[in-house]
Amino acid sequence: MKIAALRPEQKSPPGIDHRISIFEGDVGALSKTSGLSVAAGLLSRLGSVALGLFCLATAFLFHTNFASQNELLHFEKDLAIAGGMFVLAVRGAGSISIDNLVKRQVKEVHPWLKAVL
């Protein structure tokens, strides 16, 4: 269920903090663009770092009630996904990616672009 950002005079639905719902569009844009960059292999290092940091933030901000086994499971899941994203950021997307194609086609790559690819 999608919750739209509320104006200050509106009341939040029960159990929903209106301050959190303001960031919903930003989180959706981050996850979609980062996910597409990792899936396509275009600037995958940058996308995987963004998703890794997002998963760490989600784990440490929202899944901290370790008395609940469900919360602990989601905390560990987010840590595992973040670890995988950071490994992808270090190793790169691999030989079958748009990043690798760009590296092979362009003779001189700017140093900052080389670091991201």
N, C-alpha and C. Protein backbone atom coordinates (compact mmCIF):
# COMPACT_ATOMS: atom_id res chain seq x y z
N MET A 1 0.84 -1.17 0.00
CA MET A 1 0.00 0.00 0.00
C MET A 1 0.88 1.23 0.00
N LYS A 2 0.62 2.15 -0.89
CA LYS A 2 1.44 3.35 -1.00
C LYS A 2 0.82 4.46 -0.16
N ILE A 3 1.65 5.12 0.61
CA ILE A 3 1.20 6.21 1.46
C ILE A 3 1.78 7.50 0.90
N ALA A 4 0.93 8.41 0.55
CA ALA A 4 1.39 9.68 -0.02
C ALA A 4 1.89 10.59 1.11
N ALA A 5 2.75 11.52 0.75
CA ALA A 5 3.25 12.49 1.73
C ALA A 5 2.08 13.34 2.21
N LEU A 6 2.03 13.57 3.50
CA LEU A 6 0.93 14.30 4.10
C LEU A 6 1.32 15.74 4.39
N ARG A 7 0.36 16.62 4.25
CA ARG A 7 0.59 18.01 4.66
C ARG A 7 0.52 18.07 6.18
N PRO A 8 1.15 19.10 6.80
CA PRO A 8 1.18 19.16 8.27
C PRO A 8 -0.20 19.15 8.92
N GLU A 9 -1.23 19.71 8.23
CA GLU A 9 -2.55 19.76 8.86
C GLU A 9 -3.29 18.43 8.77
N GLN A 10 -2.81 17.49 7.96
CA GLN A 10 -3.44 16.19 7.85
C GLN A 10 -2.93 15.26 8.94
N LYS A 11 -3.78 14.34 9.32
CA LYS A 11 -3.39 13.35 10.32
C LYS A 11 -2.88 12.10 9.62
N SER A 12 -1.89 11.47 10.22
CA SER A 12 -1.35 10.23 9.67
C SER A 12 -2.31 9.08 9.95
N PRO A 13 -2.33 8.08 9.09
CA PRO A 13 -3.10 6.88 9.41
C PRO A 13 -2.55 6.25 10.68
N PRO A 14 -3.34 5.48 11.39
CA PRO A 14 -2.86 4.86 12.62
C PRO A 14 -1.62 3.99 12.38
N GLY A 15 -0.60 4.19 13.20
CA GLY A 15 0.61 3.39 13.11
C GLY A 15 1.62 3.88 12.08
N ILE A 16 1.32 4.96 11.37
CA ILE A 16 2.22 5.49 10.35
C ILE A 16 2.69 6.87 10.79
N ASP A 17 3.98 7.06 10.83
CA ASP A 17 4.56 8.35 11.18
C ASP A 17 4.62 9.19 9.91
N HIS A 18 4.00 10.35 9.90
CA HIS A 18 3.95 11.17 8.69
C HIS A 18 5.32 11.68 8.28
N ARG A 19 6.27 11.78 9.21
CA ARG A 19 7.61 12.24 8.85
C ARG A 19 8.33 11.21 7.98
N ILE A 20 8.06 9.93 8.19
CA ILE A 20 8.68 8.88 7.39
C ILE A 20 8.06 8.82 6.00
N SER A 21 6.76 9.06 5.90
CA SER A 21 6.09 8.94 4.60
C SER A 21 6.53 10.02 3.62
N ILE A 22 7.14 11.10 4.09
CA ILE A 22 7.62 12.16 3.21
C ILE A 22 8.75 11.63 2.34
N PHE A 23 9.57 10.72 2.85
CA PHE A 23 10.74 10.22 2.13
C PHE A 23 10.43 9.03 1.23
N GLU A 24 9.18 8.66 1.11
CA GLU A 24 8.83 7.47 0.33
C GLU A 24 9.23 7.59 -1.13
N GLY A 25 9.01 8.74 -1.73
CA GLY A 25 9.38 8.93 -3.13
C GLY A 25 10.88 8.86 -3.34
N ASP A 26 11.64 9.43 -2.39
CA ASP A 26 13.09 9.39 -2.49
C ASP A 26 13.61 7.96 -2.39
N VAL A 27 13.06 7.19 -1.49
CA VAL A 27 13.48 5.80 -1.31
C VAL A 27 13.12 4.98 -2.54
N GLY A 28 11.95 5.22 -3.10
CA GLY A 28 11.55 4.50 -4.30
C GLY A 28 12.45 4.82 -5.48
N ALA A 29 12.80 6.08 -5.63
CA ALA A 29 13.69 6.48 -6.72
C ALA A 29 15.08 5.88 -6.53
N LEU A 30 15.58 5.89 -5.30
CA LEU A 30 16.89 5.31 -5.03
C LEU A 30 16.92 3.83 -5.34
N SER A 31 15.93 3.11 -4.87
CA SER A 31 15.94 1.66 -5.08
C SER A 31 15.73 1.29 -6.55
N LYS A 32 14.90 2.04 -7.26
CA LYS A 32 14.68 1.73 -8.68
C LYS A 32 15.91 2.05 -9.52
N THR A 33 16.48 3.23 -9.35
CA THR A 33 17.63 3.60 -10.18
C THR A 33 18.85 2.76 -9.84
N SER A 34 19.08 2.51 -8.56
CA SER A 34 20.23 1.69 -8.17
C SER A 34 20.04 0.25 -8.62
N GLY A 35 18.85 -0.27 -8.48
CA GLY A 35 18.57 -1.63 -8.92
C GLY A 35 18.73 -1.80 -10.42
N LEU A 36 18.27 -0.82 -11.18
CA LEU A 36 18.43 -0.88 -12.63
C LEU A 36 19.89 -0.78 -13.03
N SER A 37 20.66 0.05 -12.32
CA SER A 37 22.08 0.17 -12.68
C SER A 37 22.83 -1.13 -12.38
N VAL A 38 22.48 -1.79 -11.30
CA VAL A 38 23.12 -3.08 -10.98
C VAL A 38 22.67 -4.15 -11.97
N ALA A 39 21.39 -4.19 -12.29
CA ALA A 39 20.88 -5.21 -13.21
C ALA A 39 21.42 -5.03 -14.62
N ALA A 40 21.55 -3.79 -15.07
CA ALA A 40 22.03 -3.54 -16.43
C ALA A 40 23.55 -3.57 -16.52
N GLY A 41 24.21 -3.38 -15.40
CA GLY A 41 25.66 -3.34 -15.43
C GLY A 41 26.20 -1.99 -15.86
N LEU A 42 25.41 -0.95 -15.72
CA LEU A 42 25.81 0.40 -16.06
C LEU A 42 26.00 1.18 -14.77
N LEU A 43 27.22 1.60 -14.51
CA LEU A 43 27.58 2.24 -13.23
C LEU A 43 27.17 1.37 -12.06
N SER A 44 27.45 0.09 -12.18
CA SER A 44 27.01 -0.87 -11.17
C SER A 44 27.72 -0.69 -9.84
N ARG A 45 28.95 -0.21 -9.84
CA ARG A 45 29.64 0.03 -8.56
C ARG A 45 28.93 1.09 -7.76
N LEU A 46 28.54 2.17 -8.42
CA LEU A 46 27.84 3.25 -7.74
C LEU A 46 26.48 2.78 -7.23
N GLY A 47 25.75 2.04 -8.07
CA GLY A 47 24.45 1.53 -7.66
C GLY A 47 24.53 0.54 -6.53
N SER A 48 25.56 -0.31 -6.54
CA SER A 48 25.68 -1.30 -5.47
C SER A 48 26.09 -0.66 -4.15
N VAL A 49 26.90 0.39 -4.20
CA VAL A 49 27.23 1.10 -2.96
C VAL A 49 25.98 1.76 -2.39
N ALA A 50 25.17 2.37 -3.26
CA ALA A 50 23.93 3.02 -2.79
C ALA A 50 22.98 2.00 -2.17
N LEU A 51 22.81 0.85 -2.83
CA LEU A 51 21.93 -0.18 -2.27
C LEU A 51 22.50 -0.78 -0.99
N GLY A 52 23.82 -0.95 -0.93
CA GLY A 52 24.44 -1.47 0.29
C GLY A 52 24.24 -0.55 1.47
N LEU A 53 24.44 0.75 1.26
CA LEU A 53 24.23 1.72 2.34
C LEU A 53 22.76 1.79 2.74
N PHE A 54 21.87 1.67 1.75
CA PHE A 54 20.44 1.66 2.05
C PHE A 54 20.06 0.45 2.90
N CYS A 55 20.62 -0.72 2.56
CA CYS A 55 20.31 -1.92 3.34
C CYS A 55 20.87 -1.83 4.76
N LEU A 56 22.06 -1.25 4.91
CA LEU A 56 22.60 -1.05 6.26
C LEU A 56 21.73 -0.10 7.07
N ALA A 57 21.32 0.99 6.44
CA ALA A 57 20.46 1.95 7.15
C ALA A 57 19.13 1.31 7.53
N THR A 58 18.57 0.52 6.63
CA THR A 58 17.31 -0.16 6.93
C THR A 58 17.48 -1.13 8.09
N ALA A 59 18.56 -1.87 8.09
CA ALA A 59 18.79 -2.84 9.16
C ALA A 59 18.93 -2.16 10.51
N PHE A 60 19.75 -1.13 10.57
CA PHE A 60 20.04 -0.51 11.86
C PHE A 60 18.97 0.47 12.32
N LEU A 61 18.12 0.97 11.43
CA LEU A 61 17.07 1.90 11.84
C LEU A 61 15.73 1.22 12.11
N PHE A 62 15.42 0.18 11.35
CA PHE A 62 14.07 -0.37 11.42
C PHE A 62 13.98 -1.79 11.97
N HIS A 63 15.07 -2.53 12.01
CA HIS A 63 15.00 -3.93 12.45
C HIS A 63 15.89 -4.15 13.67
N THR A 64 15.61 -3.43 14.74
CA THR A 64 16.47 -3.51 15.93
C THR A 64 15.80 -4.20 17.12
N ASN A 65 14.58 -4.66 16.97
CA ASN A 65 13.91 -5.37 18.05
C ASN A 65 14.28 -6.84 17.97
N PHE A 66 15.42 -7.19 18.59
CA PHE A 66 15.93 -8.55 18.48
C PHE A 66 15.17 -9.56 19.33
N ALA A 67 14.24 -9.09 20.16
CA ALA A 67 13.40 -10.01 20.91
C ALA A 67 12.44 -10.75 19.97
N SER A 68 12.08 -10.10 18.88
CA SER A 68 11.22 -10.72 17.88
C SER A 68 12.10 -11.46 16.88
N GLN A 69 11.81 -12.73 16.68
CA GLN A 69 12.61 -13.52 15.76
C GLN A 69 12.46 -13.03 14.32
N ASN A 70 11.29 -12.50 13.99
CA ASN A 70 11.06 -11.95 12.66
C ASN A 70 11.96 -10.73 12.41
N GLU A 71 12.06 -9.86 13.39
CA GLU A 71 12.92 -8.67 13.25
C GLU A 71 14.39 -9.08 13.10
N LEU A 72 14.81 -10.06 13.88
CA LEU A 72 16.18 -10.54 13.79
C LEU A 72 16.47 -11.14 12.41
N LEU A 73 15.51 -11.86 11.87
CA LEU A 73 15.66 -12.44 10.54
C LEU A 73 15.81 -11.35 9.48
N HIS A 74 14.99 -10.31 9.57
CA HIS A 74 15.08 -9.21 8.60
C HIS A 74 16.37 -8.41 8.78
N PHE A 75 16.83 -8.27 10.01
CA PHE A 75 18.11 -7.59 10.27
C PHE A 75 19.25 -8.35 9.59
N GLU A 76 19.29 -9.67 9.80
CA GLU A 76 20.35 -10.49 9.19
C GLU A 76 20.24 -10.50 7.67
N LYS A 77 19.02 -10.51 7.15
CA LYS A 77 18.81 -10.48 5.70
C LYS A 77 19.36 -9.19 5.11
N ASP A 78 19.07 -8.06 5.74
CA ASP A 78 19.58 -6.78 5.24
C ASP A 78 21.10 -6.71 5.32
N LEU A 79 21.69 -7.27 6.38
CA LEU A 79 23.15 -7.29 6.45
C LEU A 79 23.75 -8.16 5.35
N ALA A 80 23.12 -9.28 5.05
CA ALA A 80 23.63 -10.16 3.99
C ALA A 80 23.53 -9.49 2.62
N ILE A 81 22.43 -8.82 2.36
CA ILE A 81 22.28 -8.13 1.07
C ILE A 81 23.30 -7.00 0.97
N ALA A 82 23.51 -6.26 2.06
CA ALA A 82 24.49 -5.17 2.05
C ALA A 82 25.89 -5.72 1.79
N GLY A 83 26.22 -6.84 2.40
CA GLY A 83 27.53 -7.46 2.15
C GLY A 83 27.70 -7.85 0.69
N GLY A 84 26.68 -8.41 0.09
CA GLY A 84 26.74 -8.76 -1.32
C GLY A 84 26.90 -7.54 -2.21
N MET A 85 26.22 -6.46 -1.86
CA MET A 85 26.34 -5.23 -2.65
C MET A 85 27.75 -4.65 -2.55
N PHE A 86 28.35 -4.72 -1.36
CA PHE A 86 29.71 -4.18 -1.21
C PHE A 86 30.74 -5.05 -1.93
N VAL A 87 30.51 -6.35 -1.98
CA VAL A 87 31.40 -7.23 -2.77
C VAL A 87 31.28 -6.87 -4.26
N LEU A 88 30.08 -6.62 -4.72
CA LEU A 88 29.88 -6.21 -6.11
C LEU A 88 30.56 -4.86 -6.38
N ALA A 89 30.52 -3.97 -5.41
CA ALA A 89 31.17 -2.66 -5.59
C ALA A 89 32.68 -2.82 -5.70
N VAL A 90 33.26 -3.75 -4.97
CA VAL A 90 34.71 -3.95 -5.01
C VAL A 90 35.13 -4.68 -6.28
N ARG A 91 34.41 -5.73 -6.65
CA ARG A 91 34.80 -6.57 -7.78
C ARG A 91 34.34 -6.02 -9.13
N GLY A 92 33.29 -5.26 -9.17
CA GLY A 92 32.76 -4.76 -10.44
C GLY A 92 31.74 -5.72 -11.02
N ALA A 93 31.15 -5.30 -12.12
CA ALA A 93 30.04 -6.07 -12.70
C ALA A 93 30.49 -7.28 -13.50
N GLY A 94 31.72 -7.32 -13.95
CA GLY A 94 32.19 -8.49 -14.69
C GLY A 94 32.29 -8.22 -16.17
N SER A 95 32.58 -9.29 -16.90
CA SER A 95 32.88 -9.14 -18.33
C SER A 95 31.63 -8.93 -19.18
N ILE A 96 30.47 -9.39 -18.72
CA ILE A 96 29.24 -9.22 -19.50
C ILE A 96 28.44 -8.08 -18.87
N SER A 97 28.91 -6.85 -19.08
CA SER A 97 28.22 -5.68 -18.53
C SER A 97 28.45 -4.49 -19.44
N ILE A 98 27.61 -3.51 -19.30
CA ILE A 98 27.76 -2.29 -20.08
C ILE A 98 29.02 -1.55 -19.64
N ASP A 99 29.35 -1.60 -18.35
CA ASP A 99 30.58 -0.97 -17.86
C ASP A 99 31.81 -1.50 -18.60
N ASN A 100 31.90 -2.81 -18.73
CA ASN A 100 33.03 -3.43 -19.41
C ASN A 100 33.04 -3.07 -20.90
N LEU A 101 31.87 -3.01 -21.52
CA LEU A 101 31.78 -2.61 -22.92
C LEU A 101 32.28 -1.19 -23.13
N VAL A 102 31.91 -0.30 -22.23
CA VAL A 102 32.36 1.10 -22.32
C VAL A 102 33.87 1.17 -22.14
N LYS A 103 34.41 0.40 -21.20
CA LYS A 103 35.86 0.40 -20.99
C LYS A 103 36.61 -0.06 -22.22
N ARG A 104 36.08 -1.08 -22.90
CA ARG A 104 36.76 -1.62 -24.09
C ARG A 104 36.63 -0.70 -25.29
N GLN A 105 35.50 -0.01 -25.45
CA GLN A 105 35.25 0.81 -26.63
C GLN A 105 35.95 2.16 -26.58
N VAL A 106 36.03 2.75 -25.41
CA VAL A 106 36.60 4.09 -25.27
C VAL A 106 38.09 3.95 -24.99
N LYS A 107 38.89 4.64 -25.79
CA LYS A 107 40.34 4.54 -25.63
C LYS A 107 40.82 5.24 -24.36
N GLU A 108 40.41 6.48 -24.21
CA GLU A 108 40.82 7.24 -23.02
C GLU A 108 39.60 7.53 -22.18
N VAL A 109 39.63 7.06 -20.96
CA VAL A 109 38.54 7.27 -20.03
C VAL A 109 39.01 8.22 -18.95
N HIS A 110 38.15 9.19 -18.62
CA HIS A 110 38.49 10.13 -17.56
C HIS A 110 38.73 9.36 -16.25
N PRO A 111 39.70 9.80 -15.42
CA PRO A 111 40.02 9.04 -14.20
C PRO A 111 38.84 8.81 -13.26
N TRP A 112 37.95 9.80 -13.12
CA TRP A 112 36.82 9.59 -12.20
C TRP A 112 35.85 8.57 -12.77
N LEU A 113 35.70 8.55 -14.11
CA LEU A 113 34.82 7.56 -14.71
C LEU A 113 35.42 6.17 -14.64
N LYS A 114 36.75 6.09 -14.76
CA LYS A 114 37.43 4.80 -14.65
C LYS A 114 37.24 4.21 -13.24
N ALA A 115 37.25 5.06 -12.23
CA ALA A 115 37.07 4.60 -10.86
C ALA A 115 35.65 4.07 -10.64
N VAL A 116 34.67 4.68 -11.27
CA VAL A 116 33.28 4.25 -11.09
C VAL A 116 32.98 3.02 -11.93
N LEU A 117 33.58 2.91 -13.10
CA LEU A 117 33.33 1.74 -13.96
C LEU A 117 34.08 0.55 -13.41
